[in-house]
């Protein structure tokens, strides 16, 4: 996963092309580190902004992918520190533990591990497991990205894998999220008016300081600009919505008319304050987030139920 040295000027000129191919992989890492596809996207955007800011002063970049991953890794750690999660420490006596190669079955099981389960690992174990067992980086690449020694990386991989096996063998006691009556009513209103193509009713609910984001593409701020967000949906009728939860947050699940599969194509996260719609976060152009998202579709009769 290395390459020839690239000047910062050339890297900047081709940044968009490189990022388009690499962004889903970067997001997989961020989502598993933060335990959320939504928070993971926040971390990724922050990291990419830092990368662009650092480019003018960067020396020739020998490994562009590794350079980006180091920035993403450090940004994820900063996010977790801000969230006041306890840092773990590795003991010297564990430094000689060997990370045994995984079988194909074990590798598939770890790759399919839920975000919620990854969050039960200490930060550094989580990072090493994701980089090697989910994203396929080598031990030497892990050392380069994380700045840790080879013995430390091996020890963390060993401990993390053991811990994941123990977690998998235990019960899943995570409670199902419950929406308030107001949240249910707001979500039902959005879905109903969208499917009726009554976008004027949705515009009427926008807060003055509303924000709409087409993730990875554009951000609109203020009621007037956000009102234009509905334009494309008004011109095409192939999308319809169903009420749902994404990581416990109210969301509209987006389906394509006539699609055989009954799984959403993507989702839209909504944030309300009373009857005012504060924020729309549309993952239409960031469908990689769907891969690991904890999604639950709500029944048509969910409004008014506890």
Protein backbone atom coordinates (compact mmCIF):
# COMPACT_ATOMS: atom_id res chain seq x y z
CA UNK A 1 0.00 0.00 0.00
CA UNK A 2 2.88 2.28 -0.70
CA UNK A 3 3.76 4.27 -3.80
CA UNK A 4 6.32 6.57 -5.37
CA UNK A 5 7.03 9.93 -3.78
CA UNK A 6 4.52 12.60 -4.80
CA UNK A 7 5.16 16.33 -4.50
CA UNK A 8 2.71 18.27 -2.37
CA UNK A 9 1.70 20.29 -5.45
CA UNK A 10 0.86 17.19 -7.51
CA UNK A 11 -0.87 15.59 -4.54
CA UNK A 12 -3.01 18.70 -4.08
CA UNK A 13 -3.89 18.74 -7.78
CA UNK A 14 -5.02 15.10 -7.70
CA UNK A 15 -6.46 15.21 -4.18
CA UNK A 16 -10.08 14.98 -5.30
CA UNK A 17 -9.45 11.96 -7.52
CA UNK A 18 -7.44 10.14 -4.87
CA UNK A 19 -9.99 10.96 -2.20
CA UNK A 20 -12.92 9.71 -4.28
CA UNK A 21 -11.37 6.25 -4.34
CA UNK A 22 -10.08 6.28 -0.76
CA UNK A 23 -12.90 8.03 1.08
CA UNK A 24 -15.02 4.89 1.77
CA UNK A 25 -11.97 3.18 3.31
CA UNK A 26 -11.13 6.23 5.42
CA UNK A 27 -14.74 6.38 6.58
CA UNK A 28 -14.74 2.70 7.56
CA UNK A 29 -11.86 3.45 9.91
CA UNK A 30 -13.43 6.61 11.36
CA UNK A 31 -16.82 4.97 11.85
CA UNK A 32 -15.36 2.02 13.73
CA UNK A 33 -13.13 4.24 15.85
CA UNK A 34 -16.01 6.51 16.89
CA UNK A 35 -18.72 3.83 16.95
CA UNK A 36 -20.91 5.85 14.59
CA UNK A 37 -21.14 6.29 10.82
CA UNK A 38 -22.38 9.83 11.45
CA UNK A 39 -19.66 10.84 13.92
CA UNK A 40 -17.20 9.02 11.66
CA UNK A 41 -18.14 11.32 8.78
CA UNK A 42 -17.57 14.34 11.04
CA UNK A 43 -14.09 13.08 11.93
CA UNK A 44 -13.31 12.34 8.29
CA UNK A 45 -14.31 15.82 7.15
CA UNK A 46 -12.22 17.37 9.92
CA UNK A 47 -9.23 15.22 8.94
CA UNK A 48 -9.52 16.10 5.25
CA UNK A 49 -9.60 19.80 6.11
CA UNK A 50 -6.41 19.32 8.14
CA UNK A 51 -4.81 17.45 5.23
CA UNK A 52 -5.57 20.25 2.79
CA UNK A 53 -4.20 22.80 5.25
CA UNK A 54 -1.00 20.78 5.73
CA UNK A 55 -0.33 20.17 2.03
CA UNK A 56 1.47 23.43 1.14
CA UNK A 57 4.16 22.80 3.75
CA UNK A 58 4.40 19.04 3.22
CA UNK A 59 7.59 17.43 1.91
CA UNK A 60 7.28 15.00 -1.05
CA UNK A 61 4.79 12.36 0.09
CA UNK A 62 6.22 8.85 -0.31
CA UNK A 63 3.01 7.07 0.67
CA UNK A 64 -0.04 9.29 0.01
CA UNK A 65 -2.50 6.77 1.44
CA UNK A 66 -0.44 6.29 4.59
CA UNK A 67 -0.02 10.07 4.95
CA UNK A 68 -3.78 10.56 4.84
CA UNK A 69 -4.41 7.69 7.24
CA UNK A 70 -2.01 9.15 9.80
CA UNK A 71 -3.96 12.41 9.74
CA UNK A 72 -7.28 10.55 9.96
CA UNK A 73 -5.96 8.37 12.80
CA UNK A 74 -4.77 11.36 14.84
CA UNK A 75 -8.00 13.25 14.19
CA UNK A 76 -10.02 10.27 15.42
CA UNK A 77 -7.94 10.14 18.60
CA UNK A 78 -8.49 13.87 19.14
CA UNK A 79 -12.23 13.32 18.76
CA UNK A 80 -12.20 10.51 21.30
CA UNK A 81 -10.21 12.59 23.76
CA UNK A 82 -12.70 15.39 23.43
CA UNK A 83 -15.41 12.87 24.16
CA UNK A 84 -13.54 12.16 27.38
CA UNK A 85 -13.08 8.46 26.81
CA UNK A 86 -10.52 6.85 29.04
CA UNK A 87 -7.15 6.15 27.36
CA UNK A 88 -5.73 2.68 27.88
CA UNK A 89 -2.11 1.81 28.64
CA UNK A 90 -0.01 -1.12 27.53
CA UNK A 91 2.27 -2.82 30.02
CA UNK A 92 5.90 -3.69 29.26
CA UNK A 93 5.30 -7.30 30.30
CA UNK A 94 2.83 -7.67 27.41
CA UNK A 95 5.14 -6.29 24.74
CA UNK A 96 6.29 -9.72 23.59
CA UNK A 97 2.81 -11.11 22.91
CA UNK A 98 2.53 -12.33 19.33
CA UNK A 99 -0.42 -11.45 17.09
CA UNK A 100 -1.14 -14.79 15.46
CA UNK A 101 -2.41 -14.81 11.85
CA UNK A 102 -6.19 -15.03 11.60
CA UNK A 103 -8.09 -17.74 9.79
CA UNK A 104 -10.36 -16.62 6.94
CA UNK A 105 -13.40 -17.29 9.14
CA UNK A 106 -12.03 -15.17 12.00
CA UNK A 107 -11.13 -12.37 9.60
CA UNK A 108 -14.69 -12.33 8.18
CA UNK A 109 -16.17 -12.32 11.68
CA UNK A 110 -14.07 -9.33 12.77
CA UNK A 111 -14.82 -7.42 9.55
CA UNK A 112 -18.54 -7.90 10.24
CA UNK A 113 -18.31 -6.77 13.87
CA UNK A 114 -20.80 -4.04 14.72
CA UNK A 115 -19.70 -0.49 15.49
CA UNK A 116 -21.20 -0.83 18.95
CA UNK A 117 -18.97 -3.83 19.65
CA UNK A 118 -15.83 -2.04 18.46
CA UNK A 119 -16.58 0.73 20.95
CA UNK A 120 -16.18 -1.79 23.79
CA UNK A 121 -12.48 -2.11 22.94
CA UNK A 122 -9.91 0.31 24.39
CA UNK A 123 -8.89 2.95 21.87
CA UNK A 124 -5.51 1.59 20.80
CA UNK A 125 -6.70 -2.02 20.56
CA UNK A 126 -9.62 -0.80 18.47
CA UNK A 127 -7.35 1.14 16.14
CA UNK A 128 -5.00 -1.79 15.51
CA UNK A 129 -7.82 -4.27 14.96
CA UNK A 130 -9.55 -1.99 12.46
CA UNK A 131 -6.39 -1.17 10.52
CA UNK A 132 -5.22 -4.78 10.18
CA UNK A 133 -8.28 -7.02 10.40
CA UNK A 134 -10.85 -4.76 8.72
CA UNK A 135 -8.78 -2.63 6.32
CA UNK A 136 -5.96 -5.06 5.61
CA UNK A 137 -2.88 -3.05 6.54
CA UNK A 138 0.37 -4.83 7.43
CA UNK A 139 2.13 -4.69 10.79
CA UNK A 140 4.76 -2.30 9.45
CA UNK A 141 2.05 -0.03 8.03
CA UNK A 142 0.27 -0.05 11.41
CA UNK A 143 3.47 1.14 13.05
CA UNK A 144 3.83 3.93 10.50
CA UNK A 145 0.22 5.10 10.83
CA UNK A 146 -0.08 4.90 14.62
CA UNK A 147 3.51 5.77 15.57
CA UNK A 148 3.73 2.70 17.85
CA UNK A 149 6.46 0.07 18.01
CA UNK A 150 6.09 -3.38 16.47
CA UNK A 151 5.93 -5.18 19.87
CA UNK A 152 3.25 -2.76 21.07
CA UNK A 153 1.17 -3.24 17.92
CA UNK A 154 1.43 -7.04 18.20
CA UNK A 155 0.40 -6.93 21.85
CA UNK A 156 -2.59 -4.70 21.14
CA UNK A 157 -3.74 -6.93 18.28
CA UNK A 158 -3.50 -9.99 20.52
CA UNK A 159 -5.42 -8.38 23.36
CA UNK A 160 -8.04 -6.86 21.08
CA UNK A 161 -8.77 -10.13 19.30
CA UNK A 162 -9.13 -11.98 22.59
CA UNK A 163 -11.43 -9.28 23.91
CA UNK A 164 -13.59 -9.36 20.75
CA UNK A 165 -14.01 -13.14 21.09
CA UNK A 166 -15.10 -12.69 24.72
CA UNK A 167 -17.57 -9.95 23.75
CA UNK A 168 -19.00 -12.09 20.93
CA UNK A 169 -19.58 -14.95 23.37
CA UNK A 170 -21.56 -12.72 25.76
CA UNK A 171 -25.12 -11.39 25.57
CA UNK A 172 -26.04 -8.27 23.61
CA UNK A 173 -27.77 -6.20 26.29
CA UNK A 174 -27.82 -2.93 24.33
CA UNK A 175 -31.30 -1.39 24.82
CA UNK A 176 -33.32 -0.40 21.78
CA UNK A 177 -33.66 3.39 21.45
CA UNK A 178 -37.08 4.94 22.04
CA UNK A 179 -38.23 8.13 20.31
CA UNK A 180 -40.33 10.70 22.11
CA UNK A 181 -43.83 11.45 20.83
CA UNK A 182 -42.59 14.77 19.40
CA UNK A 183 -39.73 13.05 17.55
CA UNK A 184 -42.12 10.46 16.12
CA UNK A 185 -44.57 13.09 14.95
CA UNK A 186 -41.86 15.22 13.32
CA UNK A 187 -40.35 12.22 11.54
CA UNK A 188 -43.76 11.04 10.36
CA UNK A 189 -44.57 14.52 9.06
CA UNK A 190 -41.33 14.72 7.06
CA UNK A 191 -41.78 11.27 5.51
CA UNK A 192 -45.45 11.84 4.70
CA UNK A 193 -44.95 15.26 3.08
CA UNK A 194 -41.88 14.07 1.14
CA UNK A 195 -43.72 11.08 -0.28
CA UNK A 196 -46.65 13.34 -1.21
CA UNK A 197 -44.13 15.67 -2.93
CA UNK A 198 -45.46 18.49 -0.76
CA UNK A 199 -42.08 20.18 -0.39
CA UNK A 200 -43.66 23.56 0.36
CA UNK A 201 -44.92 22.12 3.64
CA UNK A 202 -41.39 21.01 4.49
CA UNK A 203 -39.95 24.40 3.58
CA UNK A 204 -42.47 26.01 5.93
CA UNK A 205 -40.98 24.01 8.81
CA UNK A 206 -37.39 25.12 8.18
CA UNK A 207 -35.79 27.14 10.98
CA UNK A 208 -34.31 30.52 10.02
CA UNK A 209 -30.81 29.17 10.72
CA UNK A 210 -31.48 25.77 9.16
CA UNK A 211 -28.61 23.76 7.68
CA UNK A 212 -28.67 21.14 4.92
CA UNK A 213 -25.70 19.00 3.95
CA UNK A 214 -25.30 16.70 0.99
CA UNK A 215 -22.50 14.80 2.67
CA UNK A 216 -19.24 15.06 0.79
CA UNK A 217 -20.67 17.57 -1.70
CA UNK A 218 -22.17 20.80 -0.38
CA UNK A 219 -23.43 22.52 2.77
CA UNK A 220 -26.29 25.04 2.69
CA UNK A 221 -27.01 27.43 5.57
CA UNK A 222 -30.03 29.61 6.23
CA UNK A 223 -33.66 29.04 5.40
CA UNK A 224 -33.55 30.54 1.89
CA UNK A 225 -30.59 28.46 0.74
CA UNK A 226 -31.78 25.27 2.41
CA UNK A 227 -35.12 25.64 0.62
CA UNK A 228 -33.28 24.92 -2.65
CA UNK A 229 -32.23 21.51 -1.27
CA UNK A 230 -35.62 20.05 -2.16
CA UNK A 231 -35.31 21.05 -5.83
CA UNK A 232 -33.77 17.84 -7.16
CA UNK A 233 -36.20 15.68 -5.22
CA UNK A 234 -39.09 17.71 -6.61
CA UNK A 235 -37.87 17.03 -10.17
CA UNK A 236 -37.49 13.27 -9.78
CA UNK A 237 -39.99 10.85 -8.32
CA UNK A 238 -37.92 7.69 -8.07
CA UNK A 239 -37.19 8.13 -4.36
CA UNK A 240 -39.56 7.48 -1.48
CA UNK A 241 -39.01 7.53 2.27
CA UNK A 242 -39.74 5.33 5.25
CA UNK A 243 -39.34 6.33 8.91
CA UNK A 244 -36.38 4.81 10.68
CA UNK A 245 -33.55 5.08 13.14
CA UNK A 246 -29.87 5.37 12.29
CA UNK A 247 -27.81 4.69 15.40
CA UNK A 248 -30.82 5.66 17.46
CA UNK A 249 -31.32 8.99 15.70
CA UNK A 250 -34.51 9.87 13.79
CA UNK A 251 -33.87 9.39 10.09
CA UNK A 252 -35.66 9.03 6.79
CA UNK A 253 -34.64 5.82 5.02
CA UNK A 254 -34.51 6.36 1.26
CA UNK A 255 -35.72 3.67 -1.15
CA UNK A 256 -35.81 3.59 -4.94
CA UNK A 257 -39.13 3.04 -6.66
CA UNK A 258 -39.34 -0.44 -8.13
CA UNK A 259 -36.19 -1.72 -6.44
CA UNK A 260 -36.27 -5.45 -5.76
CA UNK A 261 -34.24 -5.26 -2.55
CA UNK A 262 -36.09 -3.90 0.46
CA UNK A 263 -33.01 -2.29 1.93
CA UNK A 264 -32.52 1.49 1.80
CA UNK A 265 -30.26 3.01 -0.84
CA UNK A 266 -29.14 5.63 1.69
CA UNK A 267 -30.53 7.68 4.57
CA UNK A 268 -31.23 11.26 5.66
CA UNK A 269 -30.66 12.24 9.30
CA UNK A 270 -33.01 14.92 10.61
CA UNK A 271 -32.66 17.26 13.59
CA UNK A 272 -35.73 19.09 14.93
CA UNK A 273 -36.41 21.62 17.66
CA UNK A 274 -40.10 21.48 18.39
CA UNK A 275 -41.84 21.96 15.03
CA UNK A 276 -38.79 23.59 13.42
CA UNK A 277 -36.47 21.58 11.19
CA UNK A 278 -32.92 22.56 12.18
CA UNK A 279 -30.72 20.27 10.10
CA UNK A 280 -30.89 17.85 7.20
CA UNK A 281 -27.93 15.54 6.62
CA UNK A 282 -28.39 13.66 3.34
CA UNK A 283 -26.06 10.71 2.64
CA UNK A 284 -27.10 10.36 -1.01
CA UNK A 285 -23.51 10.87 -2.19
CA UNK A 286 -21.92 9.11 0.79
CA UNK A 287 -23.54 5.70 0.54
CA UNK A 288 -20.44 4.05 1.95
CA UNK A 289 -21.89 5.02 5.36
CA UNK A 290 -24.68 2.48 4.86
CA UNK A 291 -22.25 -0.42 5.09
CA UNK A 292 -21.80 -0.30 8.87
CA UNK A 293 -24.78 1.79 9.97
CA UNK A 294 -27.07 0.46 12.69
CA UNK A 295 -30.42 0.94 10.93
CA UNK A 296 -33.93 0.10 12.04
CA UNK A 297 -37.00 0.71 9.90
CA UNK A 298 -40.07 1.75 11.86
CA UNK A 299 -43.53 0.47 11.06
CA UNK A 300 -46.21 2.68 9.58
CA UNK A 301 -48.07 2.67 12.92
CA UNK A 302 -45.13 3.86 15.04
CA UNK A 303 -46.63 7.34 15.65
CA UNK A 304 -48.24 7.64 19.03
CA UNK A 305 -46.78 4.42 20.39
CA UNK A 306 -44.50 4.39 23.41
